[in-house]
Amino acid sequence: MKRAVVFDLDGTLVDSSHTYFHAEREALARVGYEDFTYTDHARFIGKSMKEMWEIFVAERDVPAAPEQLLELGNHIYLRAVRESVKVYPHMVVLARRLRHSGFELAVASGSSRAVIDAVVASAGLSDLFPVKVSAEDVGRGKPDPAVFQEASCRLSVSPEECTAVEDAAAGVEAAVRAGMSCVAVTSQAAEACPFALRAGHVLLAEHDNFDDADVFGWIRAGSGRMAARRGTRGL
């Protein structure tokens, strides 16, 4: 039986992709770079914000350091989140059902710890997610499994007793590499690990057709048990 569920934040619990895009574009505009597109943003979905800025600055002629853009982008995003945060209601229903049934819950995200705390609080979900892990806490972002491994450690359960919920390919890969089963809420994310999907270790349950009762039953039954699967095997 699964004992814990670890949720990604952006794109999974909250609909934040466009908010992040506008924050990133504004941050770049403030330092004089005007050519940031949504395609640029989409390349980094699922990765840590620190890694995103490091890669982007290295690739483009941006007149600012990654650290400056990370701080500026977080500031702009936090301002927007405190004004309004859009949660996915069906994900909150699932989380509350899991909590009521005795599951331990956590958030594991590539966003900064300050952003995670602000979003969870603004969404009114602090009671559901006492454990929150950022890529800042482990030094490596998804698809590295470290953030999920740290979440399972803080929940005092093994990764094999956890299910992750993710919207991005990098997140599904990280979960599978950590030894967890995974609910993918986008088809692109599910297709990141085709063997695990075929084997039943990854469940595709897209936002638009999400059935919280079915997903809850799959998690509770332990259908995605990943015992003995470590590293990159089964991707």
Protein backbone atom coordinates (compact mmCIF):
# COMPACT_ATOMS: atom_id res chain seq x y z
CA MET A 1 0.00 0.00 0.00
CA LYS A 2 1.19 3.48 -0.80
CA ARG A 3 1.63 5.70 2.25
CA ALA A 4 2.53 9.12 0.86
CA VAL A 5 1.94 11.33 -2.17
CA VAL A 6 4.32 14.05 -3.35
CA PHE A 7 2.81 16.78 -5.54
CA ASP A 8 4.63 19.02 -7.94
CA LEU A 9 3.45 22.61 -7.58
CA ASP A 10 3.48 24.67 -10.78
CA GLY A 11 1.30 23.20 -13.49
CA THR A 12 0.13 20.43 -11.17
CA LEU A 13 -1.47 21.97 -8.09
CA VAL A 14 -1.67 25.48 -9.49
CA ASP A 15 -2.07 26.82 -13.02
CA SER A 16 0.95 29.09 -13.13
CA SER A 17 2.66 28.66 -16.48
CA HIS A 18 1.52 31.96 -17.95
CA THR A 19 2.21 33.77 -14.67
CA TYR A 20 5.78 32.48 -14.70
CA PHE A 21 6.16 33.38 -18.37
CA HIS A 22 5.10 36.97 -17.77
CA ALA A 23 7.39 37.21 -14.72
CA GLU A 24 10.36 35.86 -16.66
CA ARG A 25 9.67 38.15 -19.62
CA GLU A 26 9.32 41.18 -17.36
CA ALA A 27 12.53 40.33 -15.51
CA LEU A 28 14.42 40.15 -18.80
CA ALA A 29 12.82 43.36 -20.09
CA ARG A 30 13.99 45.20 -16.98
CA VAL A 31 17.60 44.34 -17.84
CA GLY A 32 17.17 45.23 -21.51
CA TYR A 33 16.42 41.86 -23.14
CA GLU A 34 13.19 41.91 -25.19
CA ASP A 35 13.26 38.67 -27.22
CA PHE A 36 11.87 36.15 -24.71
CA THR A 37 9.00 34.07 -26.14
CA TYR A 38 6.62 31.49 -24.71
CA THR A 39 8.55 28.86 -26.67
CA ASP A 40 11.65 29.88 -24.70
CA HIS A 41 9.69 29.52 -21.47
CA ALA A 42 8.22 26.14 -22.43
CA ARG A 43 11.69 24.63 -22.93
CA PHE A 44 12.32 24.82 -19.20
CA ILE A 45 8.99 23.61 -17.79
CA GLY A 46 9.75 21.15 -15.01
CA LYS A 47 13.31 22.33 -14.41
CA SER A 48 14.45 24.44 -11.47
CA MET A 49 14.35 28.21 -11.89
CA LYS A 50 18.05 28.43 -11.03
CA GLU A 51 18.93 26.00 -13.80
CA MET A 52 16.62 27.75 -16.25
CA TRP A 53 18.33 31.09 -15.80
CA GLU A 54 21.84 29.58 -15.91
CA ILE A 55 21.12 27.86 -19.22
CA PHE A 56 19.30 30.80 -20.78
CA VAL A 57 21.99 33.34 -19.91
CA ALA A 58 24.69 31.00 -21.22
CA GLU A 59 22.85 30.62 -24.53
CA ARG A 60 21.74 34.20 -25.15
CA ASP A 61 23.29 37.65 -25.05
CA VAL A 62 21.58 38.66 -21.80
CA PRO A 63 23.12 41.64 -19.95
CA ALA A 64 22.55 40.19 -16.47
CA ALA A 65 23.74 37.38 -14.24
CA PRO A 66 21.54 34.30 -13.62
CA GLU A 67 21.42 35.14 -9.91
CA GLN A 68 20.09 38.64 -10.64
CA LEU A 69 17.38 37.29 -12.95
CA LEU A 70 16.42 34.58 -10.47
CA GLU A 71 15.92 37.13 -7.71
CA LEU A 72 14.10 39.59 -9.96
CA GLY A 73 11.86 36.94 -11.53
CA ASN A 74 10.92 35.52 -8.13
CA HIS A 75 10.07 39.01 -6.87
CA ILE A 76 7.79 39.70 -9.83
CA TYR A 77 6.17 36.26 -9.63
CA LEU A 78 5.56 36.52 -5.89
CA ARG A 79 3.83 39.85 -6.37
CA ALA A 80 1.49 38.28 -8.93
CA VAL A 81 0.83 35.19 -6.80
CA ARG A 82 -0.07 37.22 -3.74
CA GLU A 83 -2.64 39.08 -5.82
CA SER A 84 -4.14 35.94 -7.34
CA VAL A 85 -3.32 32.22 -7.52
CA LYS A 86 -5.33 29.77 -9.62
CA VAL A 87 -5.52 26.27 -8.19
CA TYR A 88 -6.74 23.19 -10.01
CA PRO A 89 -9.86 22.30 -7.96
CA HIS A 90 -9.74 18.60 -8.82
CA MET A 91 -6.19 18.37 -7.50
CA VAL A 92 -7.24 19.91 -4.19
CA VAL A 93 -10.12 17.43 -3.99
CA LEU A 94 -7.66 14.58 -4.55
CA ALA A 95 -5.23 15.94 -1.96
CA ARG A 96 -7.95 16.31 0.66
CA ARG A 97 -9.24 12.80 -0.08
CA LEU A 98 -5.75 11.41 0.36
CA ARG A 99 -5.17 13.32 3.61
CA HIS A 100 -8.53 12.18 4.99
CA SER A 101 -7.52 8.58 4.22
CA GLY A 102 -4.27 8.86 6.15
CA PHE A 103 -1.75 9.59 3.41
CA GLU A 104 1.19 11.87 4.16
CA LEU A 105 1.50 14.71 1.64
CA ALA A 106 4.35 16.89 0.43
CA VAL A 107 5.17 19.39 -2.28
CA ALA A 108 8.39 18.95 -4.28
CA SER A 109 9.11 21.72 -6.76
CA GLY A 110 11.83 23.38 -8.79
CA SER A 111 10.60 26.79 -7.61
CA SER A 112 12.38 28.61 -4.80
CA ARG A 113 11.36 27.89 -1.23
CA ALA A 114 9.98 31.43 -0.89
CA VAL A 115 7.77 30.89 -3.93
CA ILE A 116 6.56 27.49 -2.72
CA ASP A 117 5.64 28.87 0.70
CA ALA A 118 3.86 31.88 -0.82
CA VAL A 119 1.89 29.86 -3.39
CA VAL A 120 0.81 27.19 -0.93
CA ALA A 121 -0.26 29.82 1.59
CA SER A 122 -2.04 32.00 -0.98
CA ALA A 123 -3.90 28.95 -2.28
CA GLY A 124 -5.05 28.08 1.25
CA LEU A 125 -3.30 24.70 1.17
CA SER A 126 -0.87 25.02 4.08
CA ASP A 127 -2.84 22.53 6.16
CA LEU A 128 -2.50 19.89 3.45
CA PHE A 129 1.21 20.28 2.75
CA PRO A 130 3.30 20.70 5.89
CA VAL A 131 6.32 19.25 4.04
CA LYS A 132 7.70 21.35 1.19
CA VAL A 133 10.94 20.66 -0.69
CA SER A 134 12.62 22.92 -3.23
CA ALA A 135 15.47 22.19 -5.60
CA GLU A 136 17.32 24.75 -3.43
CA ASP A 137 17.20 22.22 -0.59
CA VAL A 138 19.07 19.55 -2.54
CA GLY A 139 21.12 21.55 -5.03
CA ARG A 140 19.82 19.65 -8.07
CA GLY A 141 16.59 20.10 -9.99
CA LYS A 142 14.42 17.63 -11.87
CA PRO A 143 14.96 15.30 -13.76
CA ASP A 144 17.46 14.52 -11.01
CA PRO A 145 15.52 12.46 -8.42
CA ALA A 146 17.02 14.26 -5.41
CA VAL A 147 14.04 16.51 -4.66
CA PHE A 148 11.68 13.51 -4.53
CA GLN A 149 14.12 11.46 -2.48
CA GLU A 150 14.39 14.31 0.01
CA ALA A 151 10.60 14.58 0.20
CA SER A 152 10.25 10.86 0.99
CA CYS A 153 12.96 11.19 3.63
CA ARG A 154 11.14 14.10 5.31
CA LEU A 155 7.92 12.10 5.20
CA SER A 156 9.73 9.14 6.84
CA VAL A 157 8.70 6.70 4.13
CA SER A 158 10.65 4.93 1.39
CA PRO A 159 10.33 6.19 -2.21
CA GLU A 160 8.64 2.90 -3.12
CA GLU A 161 5.84 3.81 -0.71
CA CYS A 162 5.28 7.15 -2.47
CA THR A 163 3.39 8.29 -5.53
CA ALA A 164 4.34 11.52 -7.28
CA VAL A 165 1.92 13.77 -9.17
CA GLU A 166 3.51 15.70 -12.04
CA ASP A 167 2.77 17.77 -15.13
CA ALA A 168 6.22 17.85 -16.75
CA ALA A 169 8.42 15.28 -18.46
CA ALA A 170 11.39 16.17 -16.24
CA GLY A 171 9.24 15.61 -13.16
CA VAL A 172 7.96 12.20 -14.24
CA GLU A 173 11.50 11.11 -15.05
CA ALA A 174 12.69 12.34 -11.65
CA ALA A 175 9.91 10.45 -9.86
CA VAL A 176 10.59 7.19 -11.69
CA ARG A 177 14.32 7.52 -11.09
CA ALA A 178 13.61 8.09 -7.39
CA GLY A 179 11.72 4.79 -7.26
CA MET A 180 8.20 6.25 -7.08
CA SER A 181 5.10 5.58 -9.11
CA CYS A 182 3.69 8.67 -10.77
CA VAL A 183 0.42 10.24 -11.86
CA ALA A 184 1.06 12.36 -14.97
CA VAL A 185 -1.47 15.10 -15.61
CA THR A 186 -0.27 15.79 -19.17
CA SER A 187 0.36 13.32 -22.00
CA GLN A 188 3.74 14.90 -22.70
CA ALA A 189 4.81 14.17 -19.14
CA ALA A 190 3.57 10.57 -19.28
CA GLU A 191 5.45 9.89 -22.50
CA ALA A 192 8.74 10.80 -20.83
CA CYS A 193 8.99 7.27 -19.43
CA PRO A 194 7.28 4.97 -21.97
CA PHE A 195 8.40 1.71 -20.35
CA ALA A 196 7.09 2.78 -16.94
CA LEU A 197 3.83 3.91 -18.57
CA ARG A 198 3.35 0.57 -20.33
CA ALA A 199 4.24 -1.31 -17.14
CA GLY A 200 1.60 0.55 -15.14
CA HIS A 201 4.02 2.47 -12.97
CA VAL A 202 2.88 5.77 -14.51
CA LEU A 203 -0.80 6.69 -14.78
CA LEU A 204 -1.96 9.27 -17.33
CA ALA A 205 -4.79 11.32 -15.82
CA GLU A 206 -4.93 14.60 -17.73
CA HIS A 207 -6.25 17.75 -16.10
CA ASP A 208 -9.08 18.06 -18.63
CA ASN A 209 -10.36 14.53 -17.94
CA PHE A 210 -9.28 14.10 -14.35
CA ASP A 211 -11.29 11.68 -12.20
CA ASP A 212 -10.12 12.11 -8.61
CA ALA A 213 -11.89 8.94 -7.47
CA ASP A 214 -10.14 6.80 -10.09
CA VAL A 215 -6.76 8.37 -9.38
CA PHE A 216 -7.26 7.93 -5.65
CA GLY A 217 -8.11 4.26 -6.18
CA TRP A 218 -5.01 3.72 -8.32
CA ILE A 219 -2.76 5.31 -5.73
CA ARG A 220 -4.37 3.45 -2.82
CA ALA A 221 -4.10 0.11 -4.60
CA GLY A 222 -0.39 0.66 -5.12
CA SER A 223 -0.76 -0.04 -8.85
CA GLY A 224 2.42 1.80 -9.61
CA ARG A 225 4.69 0.07 -7.09
CA MET A 226 8.27 0.69 -8.09
CA ALA A 227 10.08 -1.73 -5.77
CA ALA A 228 13.49 -2.73 -7.07
CA ARG A 229 13.44 -0.03 -9.76
CA ARG A 230 16.31 2.37 -9.25
CA GLY A 231 18.40 4.81 -11.24
CA THR A 232 17.42 5.18 -14.89
CA ARG A 233 16.11 1.64 -15.45
CA GLY A 234 12.58 1.50 -16.75
CA LEU A 235 12.56 4.97 -18.28
